[in-house]
PDB file of N, CA and C in Angstrom:
ATOM      1  N   MET A   1      99.765 199.626 124.705  1.00  0.00           N
ATOM      2  CA  MET A   1      99.399 198.133 125.760  1.00  0.00           C
ATOM      3  C   MET A   1     100.548 197.506 125.872  1.00  0.00           C
ATOM      4  N   THR A   2     100.823 197.176 127.055  1.00  0.00           N
ATOM      5  CA  THR A   2     101.825 196.185 127.347  1.00  0.00           C
ATOM      6  C   THR A   2     102.215 194.938 126.578  1.00  0.00           C
ATOM      7  N   PRO A   3     103.354 194.403 126.199  1.00  0.00           N
ATOM      8  CA  PRO A   3     103.147 193.098 125.614  1.00  0.00           C
ATOM      9  C   PRO A   3     102.834 192.085 126.540  1.00  0.00           C
ATOM     10  N   ASP A   4     101.889 191.133 126.787  1.00  0.00           N
ATOM     11  CA  ASP A   4     101.872 189.541 127.690  1.00  0.00           C
ATOM     12  C   ASP A   4     102.958 188.869 126.987  1.00  0.00           C
ATOM     13  N   TRP A   5     104.141 188.857 127.814  1.00  0.00           N
ATOM     14  CA  TRP A   5     105.013 187.786 126.936  1.00  0.00           C
ATOM     15  C   TRP A   5     104.787 186.481 127.555  1.00  0.00           C
ATOM     16  N   ASP A   6     103.845 186.210 128.053  1.00  0.00           N
ATOM     17  CA  ASP A   6     103.698 184.638 128.258  1.00  0.00           C
ATOM     18  C   ASP A   6     102.888 184.358 127.558  1.00  0.00           C
ATOM     19  N   VAL A   7     101.695 185.350 127.349  1.00  0.00           N
ATOM     20  CA  VAL A   7     100.771 185.016 126.251  1.00  0.00           C
ATOM     21  C   VAL A   7     101.525 184.508 124.643  1.00  0.00           C
ATOM     22  N   VAL A   8     102.287 185.545 124.373  1.00  0.00           N
ATOM     23  CA  VAL A   8     103.361 185.413 122.960  1.00  0.00           C
ATOM     24  C   VAL A   8     103.974 184.297 123.070  1.00  0.00           C
ATOM     25  N   GLY A   9     104.753 183.847 124.293  1.00  0.00           N
ATOM     26  CA  GLY A   9     105.232 182.723 124.600  1.00  0.00           C
ATOM     27  C   GLY A   9     104.595 181.282 124.410  1.00  0.00           C
ATOM     28  N   HIS A  10     103.238 181.489 124.692  1.00  0.00           N
ATOM     29  CA  HIS A  10     102.093 180.373 124.472  1.00  0.00           C
ATOM     30  C   HIS A  10     101.795 180.021 123.606  1.00  0.00           C
ATOM     31  N   VAL A  11     101.739 181.007 122.566  1.00  0.00           N
ATOM     32  CA  VAL A  11     101.498 181.371 120.850  1.00  0.00           C
ATOM     33  C   VAL A  11     102.292 180.560 120.056  1.00  0.00           C
ATOM     34  N   ILE A  12     103.522 181.427 120.182  1.00  0.00           N
ATOM     35  CA  ILE A  12     104.547 180.862 119.055  1.00  0.00           C
ATOM     36  C   ILE A  12     105.509 179.534 119.878  1.00  0.00           C
ATOM     37  N   SER A  13     104.992 178.889 121.040  1.00  0.00           N
ATOM     38  CA  SER A  13     105.529 177.204 121.290  1.00  0.00           C
ATOM     39  C   SER A  13     104.580 176.684 120.591  1.00  0.00           C
ATOM     40  N   SER A  14     103.988 176.865 119.848  1.00  0.00           N
ATOM     41  CA  SER A  14     103.135 175.733 119.220  1.00  0.00           C
ATOM     42  C   SER A  14     102.916 176.112 117.398  1.00  0.00           C
ATOM     43  N   ARG A  15     103.687 175.877 116.726  1.00  0.00           N
ATOM     44  CA  ARG A  15     103.577 176.078 115.240  1.00  0.00           C
ATOM     45  C   ARG A  15     101.674 176.022 115.106  1.00  0.00           C
ATOM     46  N   HIS A  16     101.005 174.829 115.724  1.00  0.00           N
ATOM     47  CA  HIS A  16      99.534 175.027 115.060  1.00  0.00           C
ATOM     48  C   HIS A  16      98.723 175.939 115.787  1.00  0.00           C
ATOM     49  N   ARG A  17      99.287 176.603 116.988  1.00  0.00           N
ATOM     50  CA  ARG A  17      98.933 177.859 117.580  1.00  0.00           C
ATOM     51  C   ARG A  17      99.193 178.952 116.731  1.00  0.00           C
ATOM     52  N   THR A  18     100.282 178.857 116.134  1.00  0.00           N
ATOM     53  CA  THR A  18     100.531 180.147 115.606  1.00  0.00           C
ATOM     54  C   THR A  18     100.332 180.270 114.238  1.00  0.00           C
ATOM     55  N   LEU A  19      99.956 179.182 113.365  1.00  0.00           N
ATOM     56  CA  LEU A  19      99.304 179.094 111.805  1.00  0.00           C
ATOM     57  C   LEU A  19      97.718 179.119 112.484  1.00  0.00           C
ATOM     58  N   VAL A  20      96.823 178.885 113.625  1.00  0.00           N
ATOM     59  CA  VAL A  20      95.493 179.218 113.485  1.00  0.00           C
ATOM     60  C   VAL A  20      95.405 180.506 113.665  1.00  0.00           C
ATOM     61  N   LEU A  21      96.175 181.146 114.774  1.00  0.00           N
ATOM     62  CA  LEU A  21      96.312 182.913 114.751  1.00  0.00           C
ATOM     63  C   LEU A  21      96.553 183.534 114.134  1.00  0.00           C
ATOM     64  N   GLY A  22      97.330 183.125 113.027  1.00  0.00           N
ATOM     65  CA  GLY A  22      97.959 184.152 112.014  1.00  0.00           C
ATOM     66  C   GLY A  22      96.882 183.886 110.895  1.00  0.00           C
ATOM     67  N   ARG A  23      96.036 183.072 110.799  1.00  0.00           N
ATOM     68  CA  ARG A  23      94.887 182.493 110.115  1.00  0.00           C
ATOM     69  C   ARG A  23      93.939 183.724 110.595  1.00  0.00           C
ATOM     70  N   LEU A  24      93.667 183.721 111.181  1.00  0.00           N
ATOM     71  CA  LEU A  24      92.583 184.021 111.841  1.00  0.00           C
ATOM     72  C   LEU A  24      92.364 185.943 111.739  1.00  0.00           C
ATOM     73  N   ALA A  25      93.752 186.415 111.975  1.00  0.00           N
ATOM     74  CA  ALA A  25      93.794 187.618 111.573  1.00  0.00           C
ATOM     75  C   ALA A  25      93.709 188.072 110.201  1.00  0.00           C
ATOM     76  N   GLU A  26      93.674 187.352 109.146  1.00  0.00           N
ATOM     77  CA  GLU A  26      93.278 187.282 108.188  1.00  0.00           C
ATOM     78  C   GLU A  26      91.792 188.048 108.316  1.00  0.00           C
ATOM     79  N   SER A  27      90.976 186.645 108.632  1.00  0.00           N
ATOM     80  CA  SER A  27      89.379 187.191 108.478  1.00  0.00           C
ATOM     81  C   SER A  27      89.118 185.917 109.507  1.00  0.00           C
ATOM     82  N   PRO A  28      87.686 186.086 110.092  1.00  0.00           N
ATOM     83  CA  PRO A  28      86.900 184.554 110.414  1.00  0.00           C
ATOM     84  C   PRO A  28      86.662 183.732 109.882  1.00  0.00           C
ATOM     85  N   ALA A  29      86.976 182.612 110.431  1.00  0.00           N
ATOM     86  CA  ALA A  29      86.583 181.386 109.658  1.00  0.00           C
ATOM     87  C   ALA A  29      86.454 180.244 110.439  1.00  0.00           C
ATOM     88  N   THR A  30      85.846 178.710 109.740  1.00  0.00           N
ATOM     89  CA  THR A  30      85.102 177.806 110.429  1.00  0.00           C
ATOM     90  C   THR A  30      86.349 177.228 110.720  1.00  0.00           C
ATOM     91  N   PRO A  31      86.503 176.486 111.577  1.00  0.00           N
ATOM     92  CA  PRO A  31      88.024 175.121 111.854  1.00  0.00           C
ATOM     93  C   PRO A  31      88.063 174.445 110.242  1.00  0.00           C
ATOM     94  N   THR A  32      87.293 174.198 109.857  1.00  0.00           N
ATOM     95  CA  THR A  32      87.166 173.703 108.484  1.00  0.00           C
ATOM     96  C   THR A  32      88.190 174.649 107.500  1.00  0.00           C
ATOM     97  N   GLN A  33      87.970 175.377 107.305  1.00  0.00           N
ATOM     98  CA  GLN A  33      88.524 176.837 106.419  1.00  0.00           C
ATOM     99  C   GLN A  33      89.935 176.632 106.803  1.00  0.00           C
ATOM    100  N   ILE A  34      90.102 177.084 108.273  1.00  0.00           N
ATOM    101  CA  ILE A  34      91.132 177.124 108.930  1.00  0.00           C
ATOM    102  C   ILE A  34      92.522 176.030 108.195  1.00  0.00           C
ATOM    103  N   SER A  35      91.547 174.615 108.762  1.00  0.00           N
ATOM    104  CA  SER A  35      92.618 173.365 108.471  1.00  0.00           C
ATOM    105  C   SER A  35      92.697 173.274 107.025  1.00  0.00           C
ATOM    106  N   ALA A  36      91.966 173.619 106.194  1.00  0.00           N
ATOM    107  CA  ALA A  36      92.534 173.902 104.772  1.00  0.00           C
ATOM    108  C   ALA A  36      93.250 175.047 104.195  1.00  0.00           C
ATOM    109  N   ASP A  37      93.412 175.995 104.792  1.00  0.00           N
ATOM    110  CA  ASP A  37      93.810 177.186 104.443  1.00  0.00           C
ATOM    111  C   ASP A  37      95.566 177.069 105.070  1.00  0.00           C
ATOM    112  N   VAL A  38      95.974 176.400 106.238  1.00  0.00           N
ATOM    113  CA  VAL A  38      97.016 175.978 106.980  1.00  0.00           C
ATOM    114  C   VAL A  38      97.525 175.283 106.746  1.00  0.00           C
ATOM    115  N   ASP A  39      96.823 174.005 106.076  1.00  0.00           N
ATOM    116  CA  ASP A  39      97.141 172.873 105.846  1.00  0.00           C
ATOM    117  C   ASP A  39      97.768 171.986 107.279  1.00  0.00           C
ATOM    118  N   ILE A  40      96.833 172.066 108.131  1.00  0.00           N
ATOM    119  CA  ILE A  40      97.163 171.088 109.344  1.00  0.00           C
ATOM    120  C   ILE A  40      95.860 169.958 109.275  1.00  0.00           C
ATOM    121  N   ALA A  41      95.872 169.414 110.468  1.00  0.00           N
ATOM    122  CA  ALA A  41      94.663 168.419 110.696  1.00  0.00           C
ATOM    123  C   ALA A  41      93.455 169.184 111.494  1.00  0.00           C
ATOM    124  N   SER A  42      92.163 168.595 111.221  1.00  0.00           N
ATOM    125  CA  SER A  42      91.139 169.469 111.956  1.00  0.00           C
ATOM    126  C   SER A  42      91.253 169.121 113.441  1.00  0.00           C
ATOM    127  N   THR A  43      92.008 168.478 114.157  1.00  0.00           N
ATOM    128  CA  THR A  43      92.144 167.934 115.449  1.00  0.00           C
ATOM    129  C   THR A  43      93.091 168.912 115.881  1.00  0.00           C
ATOM    130  N   HIS A  44      94.250 169.090 114.877  1.00  0.00           N
ATOM    131  CA  HIS A  44      94.862 170.180 115.589  1.00  0.00           C
ATOM    132  C   HIS A  44      94.494 171.903 115.755  1.00  0.00           C
ATOM    133  N   VAL A  45      93.931 172.203 114.752  1.00  0.00           N
ATOM    134  CA  VAL A  45      92.816 172.846 114.457  1.00  0.00           C
ATOM    135  C   VAL A  45      92.148 173.188 116.062  1.00  0.00           C
ATOM    136  N   SER A  46      91.146 172.220 116.241  1.00  0.00           N
ATOM    137  CA  SER A  46      90.326 171.885 116.954  1.00  0.00           C
ATOM    138  C   SER A  46      91.115 172.562 118.575  1.00  0.00           C
ATOM    139  N   ARG A  47      92.273 171.555 118.563  1.00  0.00           N
ATOM    140  CA  ARG A  47      93.117 172.048 120.015  1.00  0.00           C
ATOM    141  C   ARG A  47      93.891 173.378 120.083  1.00  0.00           C
ATOM    142  N   ALA A  48      94.148 174.027 118.655  1.00  0.00           N
ATOM    143  CA  ALA A  48      95.039 175.167 118.935  1.00  0.00           C
ATOM    144  C   ALA A  48      93.546 176.420 118.975  1.00  0.00           C
ATOM    145  N   LEU A  49      92.460 175.778 118.743  1.00  0.00           N
ATOM    146  CA  LEU A  49      91.373 176.805 118.857  1.00  0.00           C
ATOM    147  C   LEU A  49      90.810 176.898 120.412  1.00  0.00           C
ATOM    148  N   ASN A  50      90.842 175.910 120.990  1.00  0.00           N
ATOM    149  CA  ASN A  50      90.568 175.796 122.345  1.00  0.00           C
ATOM    150  C   ASN A  50      91.323 176.547 123.353  1.00  0.00           C
ATOM    151  N   SER A  51      92.694 176.137 123.102  1.00  0.00           N
ATOM    152  CA  SER A  51      93.956 176.994 123.709  1.00  0.00           C
ATOM    153  C   SER A  51      93.926 178.434 123.485  1.00  0.00           C
ATOM    154  N   LEU A  52      93.778 178.785 122.292  1.00  0.00           N
ATOM    155  CA  LEU A  52      93.649 180.240 121.939  1.00  0.00           C
ATOM    156  C   LEU A  52      92.167 181.204 122.716  1.00  0.00           C
ATOM    157  N   ARG A  53      91.285 180.288 122.402  1.00  0.00           N
ATOM    158  CA  ARG A  53      90.012 181.119 123.394  1.00  0.00           C
ATOM    159  C   ARG A  53      90.534 181.179 124.666  1.00  0.00           C
ATOM    160  N   GLU A  54      91.311 179.878 125.300  1.00  0.00           N
ATOM    161  CA  GLU A  54      91.780 180.258 126.818  1.00  0.00           C
ATOM    162  C   GLU A  54      92.045 181.443 127.287  1.00  0.00           C
ATOM    163  N   GLN A  55      93.058 181.818 126.278  1.00  0.00           N
ATOM    164  CA  GLN A  55      93.816 183.123 126.367  1.00  0.00           C
ATOM    165  C   GLN A  55      93.107 184.288 125.833  1.00  0.00           C
ATOM    166  N   GLY A  56      92.044 184.093 125.568  1.00  0.00           N
ATOM    167  CA  GLY A  56      91.583 185.282 125.146  1.00  0.00           C
ATOM    168  C   GLY A  56      91.881 185.817 124.071  1.00  0.00           C
ATOM    169  N   LEU A  57      92.214 185.191 122.700  1.00  0.00           N
ATOM    170  CA  LEU A  57      92.945 185.538 121.854  1.00  0.00           C
ATOM    171  C   LEU A  57      91.925 185.615 120.486  1.00  0.00           C
ATOM    172  N   VAL A  58      91.230 184.242 120.356  1.00  0.00           N
ATOM    173  CA  VAL A  58      90.153 184.121 119.716  1.00  0.00           C
ATOM    174  C   VAL A  58      89.130 184.033 120.320  1.00  0.00           C
ATOM    175  N   GLU A  59      87.527 184.223 119.736  1.00  0.00           N
ATOM    176  CA  GLU A  59      86.429 184.126 120.005  1.00  0.00           C
ATOM    177  C   GLU A  59      85.666 183.241 119.332  1.00  0.00           C
ATOM    178  N   LEU A  60      84.226 182.608 119.454  1.00  0.00           N
ATOM    179  CA  LEU A  60      83.556 181.748 119.042  1.00  0.00           C
ATOM    180  C   LEU A  60      82.637 183.072 118.350  1.00  0.00           C
ATOM    181  N   LEU A  61      82.095 183.266 117.109  1.00  0.00           N
ATOM    182  CA  LEU A  61      81.385 184.391 116.728  1.00  0.00           C
ATOM    183  C   LEU A  61      79.857 183.697 116.566  1.00  0.00           C
ATOM    184  N   VAL A  62      79.771 182.523 116.932  1.00  0.00           N
ATOM    185  CA  VAL A  62      78.014 182.139 116.852  1.00  0.00           C
ATOM    186  C   VAL A  62      77.672 181.112 118.007  1.00  0.00           C
ATOM    187  N   PRO A  63      76.560 181.420 118.250  1.00  0.00           N
ATOM    188  CA  PRO A  63      76.049 180.811 119.471  1.00  0.00           C
ATOM    189  C   PRO A  63      76.885 179.365 120.038  1.00  0.00           C
ATOM    190  N   GLU A  64      77.186 179.256 121.460  1.00  0.00           N
ATOM    191  CA  GLU A  64      78.190 178.121 122.411  1.00  0.00           C
ATOM    192  C   GLU A  64      77.560 177.098 121.677  1.00  0.00           C
ATOM    193  N   ASP A  65      75.646 176.707 121.321  1.00  0.00           N
ATOM    194  CA  ASP A  65      75.474 175.632 121.042  1.00  0.00           C
ATOM    195  C   ASP A  65      75.197 174.706 119.917  1.00  0.00           C
ATOM    196  N   ARG A  66      75.966 176.142 119.234  1.00  0.00           N
ATOM    197  CA  ARG A  66      76.091 175.732 117.611  1.00  0.00           C
ATOM    198  C   ARG A  66      77.311 174.393 117.590  1.00  0.00           C
ATOM    199  N   ARG A  67      76.924 173.474 116.432  1.00  0.00           N
ATOM    200  CA  ARG A  67      77.913 172.341 116.470  1.00  0.00           C
ATOM    201  C   ARG A  67      78.280 172.543 114.900  1.00  0.00           C
ATOM    202  N   LYS A  68      77.455 172.864 114.168  1.00  0.00           N
ATOM    203  CA  LYS A  68      77.901 172.989 112.970  1.00  0.00           C
ATOM    204  C   LYS A  68      78.102 174.459 112.212  1.00  0.00           C
ATOM    205  N   GLY A  69      79.223 174.462 111.356  1.00  0.00           N
ATOM    206  CA  GLY A  69      79.020 176.349 111.406  1.00  0.00           C
ATOM    207  C   GLY A  69      79.629 176.947 112.251  1.00  0.00           C
ATOM    208  N   ARG A  70      80.661 176.380 113.253  1.00  0.00           N
ATOM    209  CA  ARG A  70      81.127 177.352 114.162  1.00  0.00           C
ATOM    210  C   ARG A  70      82.334 178.290 113.433  1.00  0.00           C
ATOM    211  N   VAL A  71      81.865 179.511 113.358  1.00  0.00           N
ATOM    212  CA  VAL A  71      82.480 180.696 113.151  1.00  0.00           C
ATOM    213  C   VAL A  71      83.656 181.088 114.182  1.00  0.00           C
ATOM    214  N   TYR A  72      85.154 181.181 114.100  1.00  0.00           N
ATOM    215  CA  TYR A  72      86.152 181.522 115.041  1.00  0.00           C
ATOM    216  C   TYR A  72      86.680 183.384 114.292  1.00  0.00           C
ATOM    217  N   GLY A  73      86.708 184.078 115.166  1.00  0.00           N
ATOM    218  CA  GLY A  73      87.580 185.422 114.892  1.00  0.00           C
ATOM    219  C   GLY A  73      88.594 185.702 115.729  1.00  0.00           C
ATOM    220  N   ILE A  74      89.020 186.798 115.495  1.00  0.00           N
ATOM    221  CA  ILE A  74      90.087 186.938 116.557  1.00  0.00           C
ATOM    222  C   ILE A  74      89.843 188.132 117.197  1.00  0.00           C
ATOM    223  N   THR A  75      90.179 188.102 118.792  1.00  0.00           N
ATOM    224  CA  THR A  75      89.818 189.020 119.503  1.00  0.00           C
ATOM    225  C   THR A  75      90.767 190.464 119.214  1.00  0.00           C
ATOM    226  N   THR A  76      90.810 191.594 120.048  1.00  0.00           N
ATOM    227  CA  THR A  76      91.415 192.559 119.990  1.00  0.00           C
ATOM    228  C   THR A  76      92.905 192.592 120.502  1.00  0.00           C
ATOM    229  N   GLU A  77      92.907 191.610 121.612  1.00  0.00           N
ATOM    230  CA  GLU A  77      93.900 190.980 122.292  1.00  0.00           C
ATOM    231  C   GLU A  77      95.106 189.950 121.510  1.00  0.00           C
ATOM    232  N   GLY A  78      93.873 189.632 120.729  1.00  0.00           N
ATOM    233  CA  GLY A  78      94.498 188.698 119.646  1.00  0.00           C
ATOM    234  C   GLY A  78      95.437 189.142 118.486  1.00  0.00           C
ATOM    235  N   SER A  79      94.460 190.374 117.953  1.00  0.00           N
ATOM    236  CA  SER A  79      95.179 190.922 116.913  1.00  0.00           C
ATOM    237  C   SER A  79      96.520 191.688 117.358  1.00  0.00           C
ATOM    238  N   GLU A  80      96.690 192.074 118.673  1.00  0.00           N
ATOM    239  CA  GLU A  80      98.033 192.749 119.472  1.00  0.00           C
ATOM    240  C   GLU A  80      98.870 192.088 119.031  1.00  0.00           C
ATOM    241  N   THR A  81      98.456 190.439 120.061  1.00  0.00           N
ATOM    242  CA  THR A  81      99.387 189.688 119.999  1.00  0.00           C
ATOM    243  C   THR A  81      99.936 189.398 118.704  1.00  0.00           C
ATOM    244  N   TRP A  82      99.380 189.207 117.629  1.00  0.00           N
ATOM    245  CA  TRP A  82      99.793 188.563 116.542  1.00  0.00           C
ATOM    246  C   TRP A  82     100.760 189.721 115.620  1.00  0.00           C
ATOM    247  N   GLU A  83     100.100 190.924 115.931  1.00  0.00           N
ATOM    248  CA  GLU A  83     100.704 192.023 115.548  1.00  0.00           C
ATOM    249  C   GLU A  83     102.541 191.865 116.097  1.00  0.00           C
ATOM    250  N   LEU A  84     102.311 191.865 117.398  1.00  0.00           N
ATOM    251  CA  LEU A  84     103.913 191.836 118.607  1.00  0.00           C
ATOM    252  C   LEU A  84     104.661 190.644 118.159  1.00  0.00           C
ATOM    253  N   ILE A  85     104.064 189.376 117.279  1.00  0.00           N
ATOM    254  CA  ILE A  85     104.734 188.332 117.256  1.00  0.00           C
ATOM    255  C   ILE A  85     105.168 188.283 115.495  1.00  0.00           C
ATOM    256  N   GLN A  86     104.239 188.844 114.816  1.00  0.00           N
ATOM    257  CA  GLN A  86     105.210 189.291 113.317  1.00  0.00           C
ATOM    258  C   GLN A  86     106.008 190.337 113.285  1.00  0.00           C
ATOM    259  N   SER A  87     106.183 191.652 114.414  1.00  0.00           N
ATOM    260  CA  SER A  87     106.768 192.583 114.450  1.00  0.00           C
ATOM    261  C   SER A  87     108.413 192.074 114.870  1.00  0.00           C
ATOM    262  N   LYS A  88     108.444 191.138 115.570  1.00  0.00           N
ATOM    263  CA  LYS A  88     109.784 190.625 116.478  1.00  0.00           C
ATOM    264  C   LYS A  88     109.698 189.515 115.638  1.00  0.00           C
ATOM    265  N   GLY A  89     109.250 189.255 114.159  1.00  0.00           N
ATOM    266  CA  GLY A  89     109.919 187.949 113.341  1.00  0.00           C
ATOM    267  C   GLY A  89     109.908 186.689 114.518  1.00  0.00           C
ATOM    268  N   LEU A  90     108.963 186.431 115.317  1.00  0.00           N
ATOM    269  CA  LEU A  90     108.589 185.476 116.153  1.00  0.00           C
ATOM    270  C   LEU A  90     107.738 183.951 115.123  1.00  0.00           C
ATOM    271  N   ALA A  91     106.868 184.424 114.495  1.00  0.00           N
ATOM    272  CA  ALA A  91     106.213 183.402 113.772  1.00  0.00           C
ATOM    273  C   ALA A  91     107.001 182.552 113.278  1.00  0.00           C
ATOM    274  N   LYS A  92     106.991 181.085 113.103  1.00  0.00           N
ATOM    275  CA  LYS A  92     107.951 180.012 112.840  1.00  0.00           C
ATOM    276  C   LYS A  92     106.878 179.380 111.713  1.00  0.00           C
ATOM    277  N   GLU A  93     107.620 179.601 110.603  1.00  0.00           N
ATOM    278  CA  GLU A  93     106.770 178.875 109.819  1.00  0.00           C
ATOM    279  C   GLU A  93     106.868 177.375 109.054  1.00  0.00           C
TER     280      GLU A  93
END
């Protein structure tokens, strides 16, 4: 896979997107779980998830019309992007 540096840049330009993608690289989670695990407000988690979904890096694992218990997971492209970010030391803590 050729790295998509636009996508990498999009992720690492936001601490929240970086934290959310890194958390989902570990396992699927709800926005509430992500918020608690990475210690950022749920509004930031929601914005980051929407942005990462638009880039095809994360996906909703339950039906779209479900409002409670929405579980998100990382896509193959998301995993590859995260591995690249990690290997190049681009994830800001």
